[in-house]
Amino acid sequence: MNKIKHYKLILASLILVLVGSSCDDFLSTPPLDQLSSEVWYQNEDQAQMSVDACYRYLPSANIILMRDSWSDNMTHRNGNYNQIGSGAYTAYNGLVRDEWKYSAVANINEVLEQLAEHSDFDADFLTKAELELRFIRAFIYYDMLFYFGDVPLIKTTLTVEESKQTTRAPRADVLEFVLTELKDVAQNIGTFNQEVSGRINADVVNAYLARVSLYEKNYADAVEYANKVISSGKFELFNDYDGLFRIQNDGNTKEVIFERQYSFPLYTHSNNKYHSYPSSPMHGWLWNMPLQGLVGEYECACGHPVGQCPDDCVYEQQRQAAIAAGQDGEYIGRDPRLNATVVYPGHKWIVDGKTLSEYGYRDPSSKDYWKNEPTSNGYMMFKWLDLHGGEEERGKSGKNATIIRYADVLLMKAEALVELNKDFDQVVEILNEIRERAGMPENITAGSQDEMRKAVRHERRIELACEGLRYQDIIRWRICDQVKNGPLLGAKRNKPDGTLEEDRVVSHTAVWEDYMYLFPIPQDVMDKNENITPNPGW
């Protein structure tokens, strides 16, 4: 499939920076000295550049990974970035401020208004552009209402003075706006962009409607929209779970429904550098580090939770034999998705059958040795890295960032059916299909609603680890008091004699209070507009 023309996207982004970056109010209203329609929007090519630039307001590769470090899946070596994960954040936190996306809303509103003045443009072009922009705006608004609750609902360009009079609209009103927009886009987008990867089309909108419906506990709607994606027949699980997250397969699978696209060397991100380990070919910086809670969730390859294997389990026998020999057997014979997702002590970086590096967390001669890297917790992220690259490419990754994929849609349907307490046979079929693709036994059987809920949540955590969804899951399930309260652990270190410490390293100790289910309103927003009130507890 064709990709977005990235040179246009880059140029358009630069243009929007010029016309919309010197804002002085909390909504980041487009500046009064922006380029006028007499200078810009003179033809469809210029208008298309402005539309393309708005795609940059969708989650980036960096923020997708960062959001997992807010949860019980990962931690971050930088204390400033780790504040949300540890519960130490305030209204002054920069990542919280980044989620208040009114600069993006203002720019999208501006582009929509400019396009509305050009009836001389091709009618199909205008319709498609408007629908794409409205989807992106609705996507942004849903993120904001999820994180902040009540937020200002701005549908048109405001003056500075008008913006300073704005108040927070009730969450229900914002949600109604989001759903109305998404449903209208779904109804009218038709066959636009069906053969163009990376652009909004009917399948993208239906998949996102399934997500919003699930998050809002509208379970029947979630099943309906998921079924629209499934029944389209366009998507399937890719036959290689690890390969799904490697740059070589970008554009070559039927699993990815929507993604943020990059293009080496012009439009890239730095996740190779941020998330690889020092002795790897990328010589990385150890930013986001998975936690033991996630690692421990990966089952034995026989299909049992680790530690609950039957006596005849060959993998448990191998683990125990390694331990008896003074070796670390913890990671032997686990769900293959562990090896594809997490770098653990002794994990190997293998390309074309050749081992290029081995993570030496417990090796005193390695750059990775824990005494050399005191902020390391023994785990690193492996998903998304470009295994074929070297240090010269580490700061320029062209790997696309998945926003919605087919496995997620299947799991959304499964969860919705469980919450509706119906059709458990379909839930079992979905879970076993996902497990079979991963190389795990298809051993899920129907049980009680609680048992099925546990099975779905387990598969969702493992299948979608490090994809930016875990924080939203634990927030909407209201389980943060259980999983983000107390010490969050990493791997075991070794003693001078080489034997393992009995206790795991504490990555950080998390504090949770229920008012944290909503972010604080950014302090500078409240400073600039006295009508914007704080969230309770903050």
Protein backbone atom coordinates (compact mmCIF):
# COMPACT_ATOMS: atom_id res chain seq x y z
CA MET A 1 0.00 0.00 0.00
CA ASN A 2 1.07 3.56 -0.60
CA LYS A 3 2.35 5.63 2.29
CA ILE A 4 1.78 9.29 3.13
CA LYS A 5 4.26 11.38 1.21
CA HIS A 6 6.54 12.24 4.07
CA TYR A 7 8.24 15.18 2.42
CA LYS A 8 4.87 16.86 2.29
CA LEU A 9 4.21 16.00 5.92
CA ILE A 10 7.51 17.51 7.00
CA LEU A 11 7.01 20.66 4.96
CA ALA A 12 3.48 21.04 6.25
CA SER A 13 4.67 20.62 9.83
CA LEU A 14 7.21 23.36 9.35
CA ILE A 15 4.55 25.62 7.93
CA LEU A 16 2.23 25.04 10.86
CA VAL A 17 5.09 25.81 13.23
CA LEU A 18 5.50 29.12 11.46
CA VAL A 19 1.81 29.97 11.57
CA GLY A 20 0.89 28.56 14.97
CA SER A 21 3.74 28.46 17.45
CA SER A 22 3.87 31.90 19.14
CA CYS A 23 0.65 31.59 21.08
CA ASP A 24 0.22 33.40 24.37
CA ASP A 25 -2.89 31.92 25.95
CA PHE A 26 -3.74 28.62 27.57
CA LEU A 27 -5.58 27.35 24.50
CA SER A 28 -2.66 28.21 22.20
CA THR A 29 -4.95 30.09 19.83
CA PRO A 30 -3.35 30.57 16.39
CA PRO A 31 -1.39 33.85 16.51
CA LEU A 32 -2.86 37.02 15.05
CA ASP A 33 0.05 37.33 12.61
CA GLN A 34 -0.45 33.91 10.99
CA LEU A 35 -0.24 33.48 7.25
CA SER A 36 -3.53 34.57 5.73
CA SER A 37 -5.54 32.72 3.11
CA GLU A 38 -4.22 35.22 0.56
CA VAL A 39 -0.76 33.75 1.11
CA TRP A 40 -1.61 30.12 1.83
CA TYR A 41 -4.43 27.72 0.85
CA GLN A 42 -4.13 28.92 -2.72
CA ASN A 43 -4.46 25.41 -4.14
CA GLU A 44 -5.24 21.87 -3.07
CA ASP A 45 -1.58 20.94 -2.70
CA GLN A 46 -1.08 23.62 -0.07
CA ALA A 47 -4.29 22.62 1.69
CA GLN A 48 -3.21 18.96 1.64
CA MET A 49 0.06 19.89 3.33
CA SER A 50 -1.86 21.52 6.16
CA VAL A 51 -4.09 18.46 6.54
CA ASP A 52 -1.08 16.13 6.53
CA ALA A 53 0.62 18.22 9.21
CA CYS A 54 -2.30 17.61 11.57
CA TYR A 55 -1.45 13.91 11.64
CA ARG A 56 1.50 14.87 13.83
CA TYR A 57 -0.97 15.52 16.66
CA LEU A 58 -1.62 11.78 16.94
CA PRO A 59 0.47 9.84 19.50
CA SER A 60 4.16 9.71 18.59
CA ALA A 61 6.43 6.69 18.88
CA ASN A 62 7.96 8.23 21.99
CA ILE A 63 4.73 9.00 23.85
CA ILE A 64 3.27 5.57 23.04
CA LEU A 65 6.15 3.96 24.93
CA MET A 66 6.23 6.64 27.61
CA ARG A 67 2.62 5.95 28.56
CA ASP A 68 3.50 2.39 29.56
CA SER A 69 5.98 3.83 32.08
CA TRP A 70 3.03 5.53 33.77
CA SER A 71 1.62 2.08 34.53
CA ASP A 72 2.79 -1.05 36.34
CA ASN A 73 4.41 -2.34 33.13
CA MET A 74 7.50 -0.14 33.00
CA THR A 75 9.51 2.51 34.77
CA HIS A 76 11.74 5.30 33.45
CA ARG A 77 15.31 6.00 34.47
CA ASN A 78 14.70 9.77 34.48
CA GLY A 79 12.98 10.89 37.68
CA ASN A 80 11.13 13.72 35.94
CA TYR A 81 9.59 11.32 33.42
CA ASN A 82 8.89 8.77 36.12
CA GLN A 83 6.75 11.02 38.30
CA ILE A 84 3.44 9.79 36.89
CA GLY A 85 4.44 6.16 37.38
CA SER A 86 5.53 6.75 40.97
CA GLY A 87 2.65 9.03 41.93
CA ALA A 88 4.96 11.98 42.62
CA TYR A 89 3.62 14.24 39.87
CA THR A 90 1.88 17.58 40.30
CA ALA A 91 0.15 20.21 38.20
CA TYR A 92 3.62 21.39 37.16
CA ASN A 93 4.61 18.08 35.50
CA GLY A 94 5.63 18.55 31.86
CA LEU A 95 4.12 15.28 30.63
CA VAL A 96 0.79 16.22 32.16
CA ARG A 97 1.05 19.58 30.39
CA ASP A 98 1.74 17.82 27.10
CA GLU A 99 -1.61 16.03 27.30
CA TRP A 100 -3.45 19.39 27.40
CA LYS A 101 -3.57 19.59 23.61
CA TYR A 102 -5.31 22.85 22.83
CA SER A 103 -2.53 24.00 20.51
CA ALA A 104 -3.44 21.01 18.33
CA VAL A 105 -7.18 21.71 18.63
CA ALA A 106 -6.66 25.35 17.68
CA ASN A 107 -4.60 24.49 14.61
CA ILE A 108 -7.11 21.86 13.45
CA ASN A 109 -9.96 24.34 13.90
CA GLU A 110 -8.01 26.85 11.84
CA VAL A 111 -7.43 24.40 8.98
CA LEU A 112 -11.10 23.37 9.01
CA GLU A 113 -12.20 27.00 8.80
CA GLN A 114 -9.80 27.78 5.97
CA LEU A 115 -10.99 24.77 3.97
CA ALA A 116 -14.62 25.81 4.49
CA GLU A 117 -13.88 29.03 2.60
CA HIS A 118 -12.70 27.20 -0.51
CA SER A 119 -15.73 25.88 -2.34
CA ASP A 120 -13.57 26.22 -5.46
CA PHE A 121 -11.60 23.13 -4.42
CA ASP A 122 -12.67 19.66 -5.54
CA ALA A 123 -15.70 18.52 -3.52
CA ASP A 124 -14.30 15.06 -2.76
CA PHE A 125 -11.00 16.58 -1.63
CA LEU A 126 -12.80 18.92 0.76
CA THR A 127 -15.01 16.16 2.15
CA LYS A 128 -12.11 13.79 2.73
CA ALA A 129 -9.94 16.48 4.32
CA GLU A 130 -12.71 17.60 6.65
CA LEU A 131 -13.43 14.05 7.79
CA GLU A 132 -9.77 13.33 8.48
CA LEU A 133 -9.41 16.52 10.52
CA ARG A 134 -12.56 15.91 12.51
CA PHE A 135 -11.40 12.40 13.39
CA ILE A 136 -8.02 13.68 14.61
CA ARG A 137 -9.74 16.38 16.67
CA ALA A 138 -12.14 13.84 18.20
CA PHE A 139 -9.21 11.54 18.95
CA ILE A 140 -7.43 14.36 20.77
CA TYR A 141 -10.56 15.32 22.71
CA TYR A 142 -11.12 11.76 23.87
CA ASP A 143 -7.55 11.54 25.14
CA MET A 144 -8.04 14.79 27.06
CA LEU A 145 -11.36 13.82 28.63
CA PHE A 146 -9.88 10.44 29.59
CA TYR A 147 -6.97 12.05 31.40
CA PHE A 148 -8.59 15.25 32.73
CA GLY A 149 -12.36 14.67 32.89
CA ASP A 150 -14.13 17.98 32.26
CA VAL A 151 -12.26 20.01 29.63
CA PRO A 152 -13.06 23.10 27.53
CA LEU A 153 -14.93 22.19 24.36
CA ILE A 154 -13.60 24.44 21.59
CA LYS A 155 -14.95 23.95 18.08
CA THR A 156 -13.89 27.24 16.44
CA THR A 157 -10.92 29.55 16.46
CA LEU A 158 -10.99 31.92 19.44
CA THR A 159 -9.41 35.26 20.08
CA VAL A 160 -7.05 35.57 23.02
CA GLU A 161 -9.71 37.31 25.08
CA GLU A 162 -12.35 34.73 24.21
CA SER A 163 -10.04 31.92 25.23
CA LYS A 164 -9.50 33.52 28.63
CA GLN A 165 -13.23 33.31 29.31
CA THR A 166 -13.45 29.61 28.53
CA THR A 167 -14.58 27.15 31.20
CA ARG A 168 -14.43 23.37 31.51
CA ALA A 169 -17.34 21.63 29.81
CA PRO A 170 -18.84 18.58 31.57
CA ARG A 171 -17.17 15.34 30.56
CA ALA A 172 -20.50 13.98 29.33
CA ASP A 173 -20.85 16.88 26.88
CA VAL A 174 -17.35 16.39 25.53
CA LEU A 175 -17.96 12.65 25.17
CA GLU A 176 -21.20 13.31 23.29
CA PHE A 177 -19.30 15.61 20.92
CA VAL A 178 -16.58 12.98 20.39
CA LEU A 179 -19.04 10.18 19.67
CA THR A 180 -21.18 12.34 17.39
CA GLU A 181 -18.11 13.36 15.41
CA LEU A 182 -16.74 9.83 15.15
CA LYS A 183 -20.07 8.33 14.10
CA ASP A 184 -20.60 11.01 11.47
CA VAL A 185 -17.10 10.47 10.10
CA ALA A 186 -17.69 6.70 10.02
CA GLN A 187 -20.95 7.19 8.15
CA ASN A 188 -19.54 9.54 5.53
CA ILE A 189 -15.92 8.53 4.95
CA GLY A 190 -17.02 5.76 2.57
CA THR A 191 -14.17 4.38 0.47
CA PHE A 192 -11.77 7.29 1.03
CA ASN A 193 -8.17 6.22 1.81
CA GLN A 194 -8.91 2.50 1.61
CA GLU A 195 -5.63 1.79 -0.18
CA VAL A 196 -3.47 4.37 1.61
CA SER A 197 -1.59 3.14 4.68
CA GLY A 198 -1.35 5.59 7.54
CA ARG A 199 -4.44 7.61 6.68
CA ILE A 200 -7.83 7.66 8.33
CA ASN A 201 -10.44 5.46 6.68
CA ALA A 202 -13.63 3.67 7.68
CA ASP A 203 -11.78 0.78 9.32
CA VAL A 204 -9.68 3.14 11.43
CA VAL A 205 -12.78 5.00 12.60
CA ASN A 206 -14.69 1.82 13.43
CA ALA A 207 -11.72 0.40 15.34
CA TYR A 208 -11.37 3.60 17.32
CA LEU A 209 -15.13 3.69 18.00
CA ALA A 210 -14.77 0.18 19.40
CA ARG A 211 -12.03 1.43 21.73
CA VAL A 212 -13.99 4.46 22.92
CA SER A 213 -17.13 2.38 23.41
CA LEU A 214 -15.21 -0.21 25.43
CA TYR A 215 -13.56 2.43 27.60
CA GLU A 216 -16.95 4.05 28.22
CA LYS A 217 -18.51 0.68 29.13
CA ASN A 218 -20.85 0.77 26.13
CA TYR A 219 -20.10 -2.90 25.58
CA ALA A 220 -22.75 -3.69 22.97
CA ASP A 221 -21.46 -0.82 20.84
CA ALA A 222 -17.89 -2.02 21.30
CA VAL A 223 -18.86 -5.44 19.93
CA GLU A 224 -20.75 -3.84 17.03
CA TYR A 225 -17.83 -1.68 15.91
CA ALA A 226 -15.27 -4.43 16.43
CA ASN A 227 -17.42 -6.73 14.28
CA LYS A 228 -17.41 -4.16 11.49
CA VAL A 229 -13.63 -4.31 11.41
CA ILE A 230 -13.55 -8.10 11.70
CA SER A 231 -16.23 -8.69 9.04
CA SER A 232 -14.44 -6.43 6.56
CA GLY A 233 -12.10 -9.34 5.89
CA LYS A 234 -9.16 -6.98 5.39
CA PHE A 235 -7.24 -7.82 8.56
CA GLU A 236 -5.60 -10.84 10.11
CA LEU A 237 -2.98 -11.68 12.71
CA PHE A 238 0.55 -11.53 11.31
CA ASN A 239 2.26 -14.91 11.51
CA ASP A 240 5.32 -13.59 13.39
CA TYR A 241 4.71 -11.74 16.67
CA ASP A 242 8.31 -10.54 16.97
CA GLY A 243 8.45 -9.54 13.30
CA LEU A 244 5.31 -7.47 13.66
CA PHE A 245 7.36 -4.87 15.56
CA ARG A 246 10.41 -4.76 13.29
CA ILE A 247 10.87 -2.05 10.69
CA GLN A 248 11.41 -4.61 7.90
CA ASN A 249 7.71 -5.50 8.08
CA ASP A 250 6.28 -1.98 8.05
CA GLY A 251 3.58 -1.99 5.39
CA ASN A 252 3.84 -5.77 4.92
CA THR A 253 1.22 -7.03 7.35
CA LYS A 254 -2.55 -7.12 7.45
CA GLU A 255 -2.59 -6.66 11.21
CA VAL A 256 -1.85 -2.94 11.51
CA ILE A 257 -5.02 -0.87 11.17
CA PHE A 258 -3.64 2.57 11.99
CA GLU A 259 -0.15 3.84 12.70
CA ARG A 260 1.96 6.97 13.05
CA GLN A 261 4.27 6.78 10.06
CA TYR A 262 7.95 7.66 9.90
CA SER A 263 10.43 7.62 7.04
CA PHE A 264 14.19 7.25 7.42
CA PRO A 265 16.20 9.50 7.22
CA LEU A 266 13.89 12.53 6.87
CA TYR A 267 11.21 11.90 9.49
CA THR A 268 12.41 9.75 12.38
CA HIS A 269 12.36 9.23 16.13
CA SER A 270 15.01 8.23 18.68
CA ASN A 271 13.57 5.16 20.34
CA ASN A 272 16.48 2.97 19.22
CA LYS A 273 18.76 5.17 21.30
CA TYR A 274 16.43 5.69 24.23
CA HIS A 275 15.37 2.09 24.76
CA SER A 276 18.32 -0.15 23.94
CA TYR A 277 21.04 -1.19 26.39
CA PRO A 278 24.68 0.03 26.47
CA SER A 279 26.37 -3.08 25.03
CA SER A 280 23.82 -3.50 22.23
CA PRO A 281 24.58 -2.49 18.64
CA MET A 282 22.66 0.74 19.39
CA HIS A 283 24.65 1.56 22.57
CA GLY A 284 21.47 2.87 24.16
CA TRP A 285 20.43 4.98 27.10
CA LEU A 286 18.22 2.65 29.19
CA TRP A 287 15.16 4.88 29.29
CA ASN A 288 11.98 2.81 29.69
CA MET A 289 12.55 -0.36 31.70
CA PRO A 290 9.94 -3.12 32.14
CA LEU A 291 9.05 -4.18 35.68
CA GLN A 292 8.95 -7.62 37.27
CA GLY A 293 5.17 -7.44 37.50
CA LEU A 294 5.02 -7.54 33.71
CA VAL A 295 7.81 -10.09 33.30
CA GLY A 296 6.22 -12.40 35.86
CA GLU A 297 2.95 -12.32 33.93
CA TYR A 298 4.46 -14.23 31.00
CA GLU A 299 3.42 -17.85 31.43
CA CYS A 300 5.46 -20.98 31.04
CA ALA A 301 5.53 -22.07 27.40
CA CYS A 302 3.38 -25.04 28.46
CA GLY A 303 0.56 -22.61 29.20
CA HIS A 304 0.64 -22.46 33.01
CA PRO A 305 1.58 -19.54 35.23
CA VAL A 306 5.24 -19.86 36.17
CA GLY A 307 5.48 -21.70 39.46
CA GLN A 308 2.25 -23.61 38.83
CA CYS A 309 3.51 -26.09 36.24
CA PRO A 310 2.77 -29.81 36.64
CA ASP A 311 5.63 -32.07 37.69
CA ASP A 312 6.07 -33.41 34.16
CA CYS A 313 6.53 -29.93 32.60
CA VAL A 314 9.81 -30.09 30.71
CA TYR A 315 10.33 -26.35 30.96
CA GLU A 316 9.95 -26.31 34.73
CA GLN A 317 12.42 -29.18 34.92
CA GLN A 318 14.90 -27.13 32.86
CA ARG A 319 14.41 -24.11 35.09
CA GLN A 320 14.97 -26.12 38.25
CA ALA A 321 18.06 -27.81 36.79
CA ALA A 322 19.57 -24.43 35.96
CA ILE A 323 18.87 -23.14 39.46
CA ALA A 324 20.41 -26.25 40.99
CA ALA A 325 23.55 -25.61 38.93
CA GLY A 326 23.78 -22.06 40.30
CA GLN A 327 22.45 -20.51 37.10
CA ASP A 328 19.48 -18.29 36.47
CA GLY A 329 16.69 -20.42 35.09
CA GLU A 330 13.94 -17.86 35.51
CA TYR A 331 13.57 -17.01 31.84
CA ILE A 332 13.81 -20.50 30.38
CA GLY A 333 10.76 -21.85 28.56
CA ARG A 334 8.48 -18.82 28.78
CA ASP A 335 5.75 -17.39 26.53
CA PRO A 336 7.66 -16.43 23.34
CA ARG A 337 6.23 -12.93 23.60
CA LEU A 338 8.57 -12.33 26.54
CA ASN A 339 11.65 -12.74 24.37
CA ALA A 340 10.11 -10.49 21.69
CA THR A 341 9.19 -7.75 24.16
CA VAL A 342 11.66 -7.64 27.06
CA VAL A 343 15.44 -7.71 27.35
CA TYR A 344 16.26 -9.68 30.52
CA PRO A 345 19.64 -10.78 31.99
CA GLY A 346 21.32 -12.99 29.40
CA HIS A 347 18.87 -11.99 26.62
CA LYS A 348 20.49 -12.22 23.19
CA TRP A 349 20.29 -9.73 20.29
CA ILE A 350 20.11 -12.13 17.34
CA VAL A 351 19.97 -11.14 13.67
CA ASP A 352 19.89 -13.72 10.87
CA GLY A 353 20.96 -16.44 13.32
CA LYS A 354 23.98 -14.47 14.58
CA THR A 355 24.22 -13.22 18.15
CA LEU A 356 25.33 -9.57 18.01
CA SER A 357 25.19 -8.89 21.76
CA GLU A 358 24.04 -10.33 25.07
CA TYR A 359 22.60 -8.24 27.88
CA GLY A 360 25.22 -8.43 30.63
CA TYR A 361 23.31 -7.06 33.60
CA ARG A 362 25.08 -9.51 35.93
CA ASP A 363 28.42 -9.61 34.08
CA PRO A 364 31.14 -7.46 35.76
CA SER A 365 32.98 -7.20 32.43
CA SER A 366 29.95 -5.83 30.56
CA LYS A 367 28.93 -2.23 29.95
CA ASP A 368 25.49 -3.35 31.18
CA TYR A 369 26.71 -4.49 34.61
CA TRP A 370 24.40 -3.13 37.26
CA LYS A 371 27.21 -1.45 39.19
CA ASN A 372 28.08 0.50 36.04
CA GLU A 373 24.43 1.44 35.47
CA PRO A 374 22.95 2.14 38.93
CA THR A 375 19.61 3.30 37.49
CA SER A 376 19.15 0.01 35.61
CA ASN A 377 16.66 -2.50 36.98
CA GLY A 378 17.80 -5.47 34.89
CA TYR A 379 15.12 -5.26 32.20
CA MET A 380 14.95 -3.33 28.95
CA MET A 381 12.42 -3.08 26.16
CA PHE A 382 13.04 -5.14 23.00
CA LYS A 383 9.81 -4.51 21.13
CA TRP A 384 10.04 -1.80 18.39
CA LEU A 385 13.86 -1.75 18.13
CA ASP A 386 15.56 -1.91 14.74
CA LEU A 387 17.71 -5.00 15.21
CA HIS A 388 19.64 -4.49 11.98
CA GLY A 389 20.82 -0.97 12.80
CA GLY A 390 23.98 0.23 14.48
CA GLU A 391 25.12 3.21 16.49
CA GLU A 392 25.03 5.49 13.46
CA GLU A 393 21.26 4.92 13.11
CA ARG A 394 20.40 4.84 16.80
CA GLY A 395 19.02 8.38 16.88
CA LYS A 396 17.08 8.05 13.64
CA SER A 397 14.57 5.23 13.65
CA GLY A 398 12.03 5.05 10.86
CA LYS A 399 9.94 2.37 12.61
CA ASN A 400 6.25 3.19 12.39
CA ALA A 401 4.32 3.45 15.66
CA THR A 402 1.18 1.32 15.83
CA ILE A 403 -1.89 3.09 17.21
CA ILE A 404 -4.47 0.34 16.57
CA ARG A 405 -3.90 -3.22 15.37
CA TYR A 406 -6.16 -6.17 14.71
CA ALA A 407 -5.21 -8.15 17.83
CA ASP A 408 -6.32 -5.18 19.92
CA VAL A 409 -9.69 -5.13 18.14
CA LEU A 410 -10.14 -8.85 18.81
CA LEU A 411 -9.30 -8.35 22.48
CA MET A 412 -11.70 -5.40 22.69
CA LYS A 413 -14.48 -7.62 21.39
CA ALA A 414 -13.54 -10.38 23.82
CA GLU A 415 -13.54 -8.02 26.79
CA ALA A 416 -16.87 -6.49 25.81
CA LEU A 417 -18.47 -9.94 25.51
CA VAL A 418 -17.15 -10.90 28.95
CA GLU A 419 -18.60 -7.75 30.48
CA LEU A 420 -21.91 -8.50 28.75
CA ASN A 421 -21.63 -12.02 30.25
CA LYS A 422 -22.39 -13.71 26.94
CA ASP A 423 -20.91 -15.72 24.07
CA PHE A 424 -17.95 -17.06 26.02
CA ASP A 425 -17.31 -19.50 23.18
CA GLN A 426 -16.34 -16.53 21.01
CA VAL A 427 -14.11 -15.18 23.78
CA VAL A 428 -12.33 -18.53 24.03
CA GLU A 429 -11.89 -18.63 20.24
CA ILE A 430 -10.37 -15.14 20.20
CA LEU A 431 -7.98 -15.77 23.07
CA ASN A 432 -6.79 -19.07 21.63
CA GLU A 433 -6.30 -17.53 18.20
CA ILE A 434 -4.05 -14.86 19.70
CA ARG A 435 -2.17 -17.40 21.80
CA GLU A 436 -1.68 -19.72 18.83
CA ARG A 437 -0.12 -16.93 16.79
CA ALA A 438 2.30 -16.26 19.65
CA GLY A 439 3.29 -19.93 19.86
CA MET A 440 1.39 -20.64 23.06
CA PRO A 441 -0.94 -23.58 23.76
CA GLU A 442 -4.58 -22.97 22.86
CA ASN A 443 -5.63 -24.03 26.34
CA ILE A 444 -8.22 -21.40 27.24
CA THR A 445 -11.59 -22.91 28.12
CA ALA A 446 -14.87 -21.29 29.08
CA GLY A 447 -15.41 -20.57 32.75
CA SER A 448 -17.20 -18.11 34.98
CA GLN A 449 -17.39 -14.43 34.13
CA ASP A 450 -14.64 -13.66 36.65
CA GLU A 451 -12.43 -16.38 35.19
CA MET A 452 -12.96 -15.11 31.65
CA ARG A 453 -12.32 -11.53 32.74
CA LYS A 454 -9.02 -12.61 34.26
CA ALA A 455 -8.05 -14.49 31.09
CA VAL A 456 -8.84 -11.52 28.83
CA ARG A 457 -6.96 -9.07 31.02
CA HIS A 458 -3.95 -11.38 31.11
CA GLU A 459 -3.85 -11.72 27.32
CA ARG A 460 -4.36 -8.01 26.88
CA ARG A 461 -1.43 -7.17 29.14
CA ILE A 462 0.93 -9.65 27.47
CA GLU A 463 -0.14 -9.14 23.87
CA LEU A 464 -0.14 -5.32 24.02
CA ALA A 465 2.78 -4.74 26.38
CA CYS A 466 4.83 -1.60 25.63
CA GLU A 467 2.19 -0.32 23.21
CA GLY A 468 0.94 2.55 25.36
CA LEU A 469 -2.37 1.00 26.44
CA ARG A 470 -1.71 -0.47 29.89
CA TYR A 471 -2.10 2.82 31.76
CA GLN A 472 -5.50 3.42 30.19
CA ASP A 473 -6.49 -0.16 31.03
CA ILE A 474 -5.66 0.02 34.74
CA ILE A 475 -7.31 3.44 34.99
CA ARG A 476 -10.58 2.30 33.40
CA TRP A 477 -10.57 -0.98 35.36
CA ARG A 478 -10.02 1.01 38.57
CA ILE A 479 -7.27 -1.33 39.81
CA CYS A 480 -4.48 1.20 40.37
CA ASP A 481 -4.70 0.81 44.14
CA GLN A 482 -3.75 -2.84 43.60
CA VAL A 483 -0.99 -2.49 40.99
CA LYS A 484 0.49 0.99 41.53
CA ASN A 485 0.82 1.04 45.29
CA GLY A 486 4.09 -0.02 46.93
CA PRO A 487 7.49 -1.16 45.63
CA LEU A 488 7.69 -1.92 41.91
CA LEU A 489 10.46 -4.44 41.31
CA GLY A 490 13.05 -5.26 38.69
CA ALA A 491 15.34 -8.27 38.19
CA LYS A 492 17.64 -9.92 40.73
CA ARG A 493 21.22 -8.71 41.01
CA ASN A 494 24.22 -10.90 41.78
CA LYS A 495 26.52 -11.08 44.78
CA PRO A 496 30.31 -10.82 44.43
CA ASP A 497 30.52 -14.63 44.29
CA GLY A 498 28.15 -14.65 41.30
CA THR A 499 25.12 -16.05 43.13
CA LEU A 500 21.85 -14.14 42.93
CA GLU A 501 20.53 -11.77 45.53
CA GLU A 502 17.39 -13.14 47.10
CA ASP A 503 15.55 -9.85 46.77
CA ARG A 504 14.88 -8.01 43.54
CA VAL A 505 15.99 -4.45 42.90
CA VAL A 506 13.29 -1.88 43.75
CA SER A 507 12.80 0.25 40.66
CA HIS A 508 10.71 2.70 42.61
CA THR A 509 8.01 2.78 45.24
CA ALA A 510 4.70 3.93 43.90
CA VAL A 511 2.12 5.89 45.86
CA TRP A 512 -1.52 5.82 44.79
CA GLU A 513 -4.49 7.93 45.85
CA ASP A 514 -7.85 7.62 44.13
CA TYR A 515 -7.92 11.27 43.07
CA MET A 516 -5.07 10.30 40.70
CA TYR A 517 -7.57 8.58 38.42
CA LEU A 518 -7.66 12.03 36.82
CA PHE A 519 -4.60 14.11 36.01
CA PRO A 520 -4.22 17.53 37.62
CA ILE A 521 -5.11 20.48 35.43
CA PRO A 522 -1.76 22.02 34.35
CA GLN A 523 -0.83 24.90 36.63
CA ASP A 524 0.02 27.32 33.82
CA VAL A 525 -3.45 26.76 32.36
CA MET A 526 -5.08 27.82 35.61
CA ASP A 527 -2.65 30.72 35.98
CA LYS A 528 -3.72 32.12 32.62
CA ASN A 529 -7.46 31.58 33.02
CA GLU A 530 -9.09 31.89 36.43
CA ASN A 531 -12.21 30.17 35.07
CA ILE A 532 -10.34 26.87 34.78
CA THR A 533 -10.64 25.06 38.10
CA PRO A 534 -8.45 22.21 39.45
CA ASN A 535 -9.49 18.59 39.67
CA PRO A 536 -10.50 17.34 43.14
CA GLY A 537 -7.58 16.29 45.31
CA TRP A 538 -5.01 18.24 43.36
